[in-house]
Amino acid sequence: MSKPKILVVEDDVDISNMLRIYFSGQGYDVQVAPRGGDALNFTRKQLPHLIVLDIMLPDMDGYTVCKELRTTTRTSHIPIIFLTQKDERSDKIAGLELGADDYITKPFDIEELKLRVQNAIQRSEMISLTDPNSGLPSGRLIEDQLRHLMRTPENNTWTYIDFKINQLEAFKEVYGFVAGNEVQRFTALLLGEVVDEMGTPNDFIGHPGGDNFVLITHTEDPEALKNRTVSRFEDEVKQHYSFIDRERGHMIVQDADGSEHQVPLMTLSAGMVSARNRTFADIREITELAAEDRRTGSATVEEYETEW
């Protein structure tokens, strides 16, 4: 499992440096944003597992940042802990009403903040809100998003795309689980970049787990977005292989009996269904139809695999 990512949004350099050093020592991957705008830009590129958010910022207040994060589909699930000098009950209520998960007042006890951070991340993972490796929305959040869309038929402009990383398990056999986790994080970042390039602000990226990712997009050309994702993955995933494997275009996998066989490099297969031209009875129908479309489209890949 990768290090949980914390984003500290704080313009006081002494406090932000102290939090970065302390939480890095606790095993977290800590990034610092001194302004609210920086925080919003960062979360669009790399989803943190949690945000420690100061209310008093030089460009916008923390309430505005929190509201933007909560009303943006891709960032609405991220736990937020407000960090502020204010101690008024009305200020706390205002923050919690905007969707903050917790609130701590300066000066604060660093051990107390550590426990609040741990608890918020654990709560998020325990109720299947996020995948602990990619940081993307997982089980329940994906289902909630689909239920919301199905309950608002007037917004039937969405397309559900099911992505699967082919040969991820074979890759982990050769390169190890840590390298496999890096491929998952790479895929999450790639999906975010393609959505920024070709999608809409309301697009939703999820990670049910393992080699499976989903994208719910409102773009008018989902086929182009899907093809762009698949093409970029095939080009860029090669960086995770050794020079020898890249050059020969396959891996050598050793079986339990000591024999060896060739396995192709990882590719990304995709299938999709759209609400533009049909209605759905339940969530299972959506996911099964998209998975079937993916399997049908990846038949050539499966045939190639069985040749070895």
Protein backbone atom coordinates (compact mmCIF):
# COMPACT_ATOMS: atom_id res chain seq x y z
CA MET A 1 0.00 0.00 0.00
CA SER A 2 1.27 3.49 -0.85
CA LYS A 3 1.75 6.26 1.67
CA PRO A 4 -1.47 8.17 2.41
CA LYS A 5 -1.28 11.62 0.82
CA ILE A 6 -2.05 14.71 2.92
CA LEU A 7 -2.44 18.18 1.45
CA VAL A 8 -1.73 20.99 3.94
CA VAL A 9 -3.30 24.28 2.83
CA GLU A 10 -1.62 26.88 5.02
CA ASP A 11 0.08 30.21 4.22
CA ASP A 12 2.03 30.38 7.50
CA VAL A 13 5.41 28.94 6.48
CA ASP A 14 6.39 27.96 10.02
CA ILE A 15 3.17 25.98 10.57
CA SER A 16 3.17 24.36 7.13
CA ASN A 17 6.82 23.30 7.47
CA MET A 18 6.18 21.90 10.93
CA LEU A 19 3.19 19.87 9.69
CA ARG A 20 5.10 18.67 6.63
CA ILE A 21 8.09 17.48 8.69
CA TYR A 22 5.95 15.91 11.42
CA PHE A 23 3.53 14.01 9.19
CA SER A 24 6.30 12.94 6.80
CA GLY A 25 7.95 11.37 9.83
CA GLN A 26 4.68 9.58 10.57
CA GLY A 27 4.74 7.89 7.16
CA TYR A 28 2.56 10.26 5.14
CA ASP A 29 3.27 11.81 1.75
CA VAL A 30 2.77 15.52 2.54
CA GLN A 31 2.28 18.32 0.04
CA VAL A 32 1.85 22.01 0.96
CA ALA A 33 -0.26 24.64 -0.80
CA PRO A 34 0.09 28.22 0.51
CA ARG A 35 -3.01 29.51 -1.31
CA GLY A 36 -6.52 28.27 -1.91
CA GLY A 37 -6.08 28.39 -5.67
CA ASP A 38 -2.97 26.23 -5.39
CA ALA A 39 -4.94 23.69 -3.37
CA LEU A 40 -7.71 23.48 -5.98
CA ASN A 41 -5.16 23.04 -8.79
CA PHE A 42 -3.32 20.33 -6.85
CA THR A 43 -6.44 18.28 -6.10
CA ARG A 44 -7.34 18.22 -9.79
CA LYS A 45 -4.02 16.54 -10.56
CA GLN A 46 -3.37 14.33 -7.52
CA LEU A 47 -6.20 13.37 -5.21
CA PRO A 48 -5.00 13.53 -1.59
CA HIS A 49 -6.41 11.13 0.99
CA LEU A 50 -7.07 14.09 3.31
CA ILE A 51 -6.81 17.89 3.34
CA VAL A 52 -5.80 20.00 6.35
CA LEU A 53 -7.30 23.36 5.42
CA ASP A 54 -6.62 26.72 7.06
CA ILE A 55 -9.57 29.12 6.94
CA MET A 56 -7.55 32.34 6.65
CA LEU A 57 -5.76 32.26 3.28
CA PRO A 58 -4.36 35.14 1.20
CA ASP A 59 -6.44 34.63 -1.95
CA MET A 60 -9.71 33.07 -0.71
CA ASP A 61 -10.97 31.75 2.60
CA GLY A 62 -11.05 28.09 3.49
CA TYR A 63 -14.84 28.04 3.35
CA THR A 64 -14.69 28.92 -0.37
CA VAL A 65 -12.09 26.22 -0.98
CA CYS A 66 -14.18 23.66 0.91
CA LYS A 67 -17.33 24.56 -1.00
CA GLU A 68 -15.52 24.24 -4.34
CA LEU A 69 -14.12 20.84 -3.37
CA ARG A 70 -17.47 19.57 -2.12
CA THR A 71 -19.40 20.70 -5.21
CA THR A 72 -16.88 19.25 -7.68
CA THR A 73 -17.66 15.61 -8.42
CA ARG A 74 -14.05 14.42 -8.54
CA THR A 75 -13.09 15.93 -5.15
CA SER A 76 -16.33 15.74 -3.17
CA HIS A 77 -15.26 12.62 -1.24
CA ILE A 78 -11.94 13.91 0.19
CA PRO A 79 -11.97 14.27 4.01
CA ILE A 80 -11.29 17.86 5.14
CA ILE A 81 -10.08 19.05 8.55
CA PHE A 82 -10.36 22.79 9.12
CA LEU A 83 -7.40 24.44 10.87
CA THR A 84 -8.07 27.93 12.18
CA GLN A 85 -7.49 30.50 14.90
CA LYS A 86 -11.20 31.14 15.17
CA ASP A 87 -12.96 29.50 18.09
CA GLU A 88 -16.49 30.78 17.61
CA ARG A 89 -19.27 28.20 17.59
CA SER A 90 -20.83 29.83 14.52
CA ASP A 91 -17.58 29.46 12.57
CA LYS A 92 -17.37 25.76 13.38
CA ILE A 93 -20.97 25.22 12.36
CA ALA A 94 -20.38 27.10 9.10
CA GLY A 95 -17.46 24.82 8.26
CA LEU A 96 -19.29 21.63 9.14
CA GLU A 97 -22.34 22.72 7.13
CA LEU A 98 -20.10 23.04 4.08
CA GLY A 99 -19.07 19.42 4.50
CA ALA A 100 -15.88 19.58 6.56
CA ASP A 101 -15.19 16.36 8.46
CA ASP A 102 -13.51 17.90 11.50
CA TYR A 103 -12.31 21.15 13.03
CA ILE A 104 -9.29 21.98 15.17
CA THR A 105 -8.32 25.38 16.60
CA LYS A 106 -4.86 26.99 16.75
CA PRO A 107 -2.77 26.64 18.80
CA PHE A 108 -3.32 22.90 18.54
CA ASP A 109 -1.86 19.74 20.02
CA ILE A 110 0.00 17.97 17.21
CA GLU A 111 -0.81 14.55 18.71
CA GLU A 112 -4.50 15.41 18.70
CA LEU A 113 -4.30 16.50 15.07
CA LYS A 114 -2.48 13.26 14.21
CA LEU A 115 -5.32 11.21 15.73
CA ARG A 116 -7.95 13.24 13.90
CA VAL A 117 -6.09 12.71 10.61
CA GLN A 118 -5.75 8.96 11.23
CA ASN A 119 -9.41 8.61 12.18
CA ALA A 120 -10.69 10.56 9.18
CA ILE A 121 -8.65 8.50 6.70
CA GLN A 122 -9.60 5.21 8.39
CA ARG A 123 -13.32 6.14 8.38
CA SER A 124 -13.11 6.94 4.68
CA GLU A 125 -11.48 3.61 3.86
CA MET A 126 -13.64 1.50 6.21
CA ILE A 127 -16.87 2.55 4.54
CA SER A 128 -15.33 1.98 1.10
CA LEU A 129 -15.20 5.66 0.18
CA THR A 130 -11.75 5.53 -1.35
CA ASP A 131 -9.23 3.01 -2.60
CA PRO A 132 -6.25 3.15 -0.20
CA ASN A 133 -3.73 2.95 -3.04
CA SER A 134 -5.04 5.30 -5.73
CA GLY A 135 -7.06 7.61 -3.45
CA LEU A 136 -9.94 7.46 -5.95
CA PRO A 137 -13.57 6.94 -4.94
CA SER A 138 -14.35 3.26 -4.46
CA GLY A 139 -17.33 0.92 -3.93
CA ARG A 140 -20.05 2.92 -2.18
CA LEU A 141 -19.18 6.26 -3.75
CA ILE A 142 -19.32 4.76 -7.24
CA GLU A 143 -22.71 3.24 -6.50
CA ASP A 144 -23.97 6.51 -4.99
CA GLN A 145 -22.89 8.42 -8.10
CA LEU A 146 -24.72 6.00 -10.39
CA ARG A 147 -27.87 6.10 -8.23
CA HIS A 148 -27.84 9.88 -8.33
CA LEU A 149 -27.59 9.90 -12.12
CA MET A 150 -30.34 7.31 -12.48
CA ARG A 151 -32.65 9.40 -10.27
CA THR A 152 -32.17 12.48 -12.46
CA PRO A 153 -33.19 11.30 -15.95
CA GLU A 154 -33.21 14.91 -17.17
CA ASN A 155 -29.39 14.71 -16.98
CA ASN A 156 -29.10 11.69 -19.29
CA THR A 157 -25.96 12.99 -20.99
CA TRP A 158 -23.59 10.63 -19.19
CA THR A 159 -21.58 7.64 -20.38
CA TYR A 160 -20.15 4.93 -18.12
CA ILE A 161 -16.74 3.61 -19.20
CA ASP A 162 -15.26 0.44 -17.68
CA PHE A 163 -11.44 0.20 -17.89
CA LYS A 164 -9.34 -2.87 -17.14
CA ILE A 165 -5.55 -3.11 -17.01
CA ASN A 166 -4.65 -6.27 -18.90
CA GLN A 167 -1.70 -8.30 -17.60
CA LEU A 168 -1.39 -6.37 -14.31
CA GLU A 169 -1.23 -9.60 -12.30
CA ALA A 170 1.50 -11.04 -14.55
CA PHE A 171 3.38 -7.74 -14.25
CA LYS A 172 3.26 -8.00 -10.44
CA GLU A 173 4.61 -11.55 -10.62
CA VAL A 174 7.70 -10.27 -12.41
CA TYR A 175 8.18 -6.80 -10.92
CA GLY A 176 6.51 -7.12 -7.49
CA PHE A 177 3.50 -5.63 -5.71
CA VAL A 178 5.11 -2.24 -5.14
CA ALA A 179 5.61 -1.79 -8.88
CA GLY A 180 2.02 -2.96 -9.43
CA ASN A 181 0.77 -0.30 -7.02
CA GLU A 182 2.72 2.30 -8.96
CA VAL A 183 0.90 1.23 -12.14
CA GLN A 184 -2.44 1.72 -10.38
CA ARG A 185 -1.44 5.22 -9.26
CA PHE A 186 -0.16 5.99 -12.76
CA THR A 187 -3.53 4.93 -14.20
CA ALA A 188 -5.41 7.15 -11.74
CA LEU A 189 -3.26 10.15 -12.68
CA LEU A 190 -3.62 9.39 -16.38
CA LEU A 191 -7.41 9.30 -16.15
CA GLY A 192 -7.38 12.64 -14.35
CA GLU A 193 -5.18 14.21 -17.03
CA VAL A 194 -7.38 12.95 -19.86
CA VAL A 195 -10.52 14.20 -18.12
CA ASP A 196 -8.87 17.61 -17.66
CA GLU A 197 -8.03 17.61 -21.35
CA MET A 198 -11.23 16.23 -22.88
CA GLY A 199 -13.84 15.79 -20.15
CA THR A 200 -16.10 18.05 -18.09
CA PRO A 201 -15.97 19.36 -14.48
CA ASN A 202 -18.76 16.93 -13.54
CA ASP A 203 -16.93 13.80 -14.71
CA PHE A 204 -16.39 11.12 -12.07
CA ILE A 205 -13.38 8.78 -11.82
CA GLY A 206 -13.58 5.69 -9.61
CA HIS A 207 -11.43 2.72 -8.67
CA PRO A 208 -13.43 -0.34 -7.60
CA GLY A 209 -10.10 -2.03 -6.91
CA GLY A 210 -7.22 -3.93 -8.46
CA ASP A 211 -7.00 -3.64 -12.23
CA ASN A 212 -10.46 -2.07 -12.67
CA PHE A 213 -11.21 1.66 -13.07
CA VAL A 214 -14.41 3.46 -14.06
CA LEU A 215 -15.14 6.83 -15.59
CA ILE A 216 -18.55 8.49 -15.78
CA THR A 217 -18.28 11.30 -18.29
CA HIS A 218 -20.63 13.96 -19.63
CA THR A 219 -18.49 14.82 -22.64
CA GLU A 220 -20.21 14.91 -26.01
CA ASP A 221 -17.59 12.58 -27.49
CA PRO A 222 -16.96 9.76 -24.98
CA GLU A 223 -15.50 7.54 -27.70
CA ALA A 224 -12.68 10.02 -28.30
CA LEU A 225 -12.01 10.28 -24.57
CA LYS A 226 -11.93 6.50 -24.23
CA ASN A 227 -9.59 6.08 -27.19
CA ARG A 228 -7.30 8.84 -25.92
CA THR A 229 -7.03 7.12 -22.52
CA VAL A 230 -6.29 3.70 -24.03
CA SER A 231 -3.70 5.13 -26.45
CA ARG A 232 -1.86 7.15 -23.79
CA PHE A 233 -1.83 4.19 -21.42
CA GLU A 234 -0.27 1.91 -24.03
CA ASP A 235 2.43 4.50 -24.80
CA GLU A 236 3.23 5.62 -21.25
CA VAL A 237 2.92 2.39 -19.27
CA LYS A 238 6.14 1.19 -20.90
CA GLN A 239 8.09 3.40 -18.51
CA HIS A 240 7.28 0.86 -15.77
CA TYR A 241 9.17 -1.91 -17.59
CA SER A 242 12.87 -2.63 -17.88
CA PHE A 243 14.69 -1.60 -21.05
CA ILE A 244 14.94 -5.25 -22.13
CA ASP A 245 11.20 -5.89 -21.79
CA ARG A 246 10.37 -2.65 -23.59
CA GLU A 247 12.65 -3.54 -26.49
CA ARG A 248 11.35 -7.10 -26.97
CA GLY A 249 7.71 -6.09 -26.34
CA HIS A 250 6.90 -8.76 -23.76
CA MET A 251 7.83 -10.18 -20.36
CA ILE A 252 9.16 -13.62 -19.55
CA VAL A 253 7.10 -15.25 -16.79
CA GLN A 254 8.26 -18.37 -15.02
CA ASP A 255 5.64 -20.99 -14.15
CA ALA A 256 5.56 -23.08 -10.97
CA ASP A 257 7.21 -26.00 -12.80
CA GLY A 258 10.11 -23.81 -13.90
CA SER A 259 9.01 -23.45 -17.52
CA GLU A 260 8.87 -19.99 -19.07
CA HIS A 261 6.34 -18.30 -21.33
CA GLN A 262 5.95 -14.88 -22.92
CA VAL A 263 3.35 -12.39 -21.69
CA PRO A 264 2.50 -9.19 -23.60
CA LEU A 265 3.07 -5.77 -22.07
CA MET A 266 0.14 -4.21 -20.24
CA THR A 267 -2.67 -2.66 -22.23
CA LEU A 268 -5.93 -0.98 -21.25
CA SER A 269 -9.23 -2.39 -22.48
CA ALA A 270 -12.44 -0.38 -22.22
CA GLY A 271 -16.16 -0.83 -22.66
CA MET A 272 -18.94 1.70 -22.29
CA VAL A 273 -22.67 2.24 -22.11
CA SER A 274 -24.50 5.55 -22.43
CA ALA A 275 -27.65 6.99 -20.94
CA ARG A 276 -28.08 9.08 -24.08
CA ASN A 277 -29.79 6.26 -25.94
CA ARG A 278 -31.28 4.01 -23.24
CA THR A 279 -32.56 3.78 -19.68
CA PHE A 280 -31.29 1.42 -17.00
CA ALA A 281 -33.20 -0.63 -14.45
CA ASP A 282 -30.43 -0.84 -11.86
CA ILE A 283 -26.71 -0.34 -11.24
CA ARG A 284 -25.85 -3.95 -12.05
CA GLU A 285 -27.25 -3.56 -15.55
CA ILE A 286 -24.93 -0.60 -16.19
CA THR A 287 -21.79 -2.30 -14.90
CA GLU A 288 -22.49 -5.64 -16.58
CA LEU A 289 -23.25 -4.10 -19.99
CA ALA A 290 -20.07 -2.00 -19.85
CA ALA A 291 -18.00 -5.02 -18.78
CA GLU A 292 -19.47 -7.10 -21.60
CA ASP A 293 -18.66 -4.35 -24.10
CA ARG A 294 -15.10 -4.26 -22.73
CA ARG A 295 -14.67 -8.03 -22.99
CA THR A 296 -16.01 -8.05 -26.55
CA GLY A 297 -13.70 -5.23 -27.57
CA SER A 298 -10.66 -6.90 -26.02
CA ALA A 299 -11.18 -10.26 -27.75
CA THR A 300 -8.11 -9.75 -29.89
CA VAL A 301 -6.03 -9.17 -26.77
CA GLU A 302 -7.36 -12.36 -25.15
CA GLU A 303 -6.65 -14.36 -28.30
CA TYR A 304 -3.08 -13.09 -28.33
CA GLU A 305 -2.60 -14.08 -24.70
CA THR A 306 -3.71 -17.66 -25.33
CA GLU A 307 -1.22 -18.12 -28.16
CA TRP A 308 1.64 -18.48 -25.65
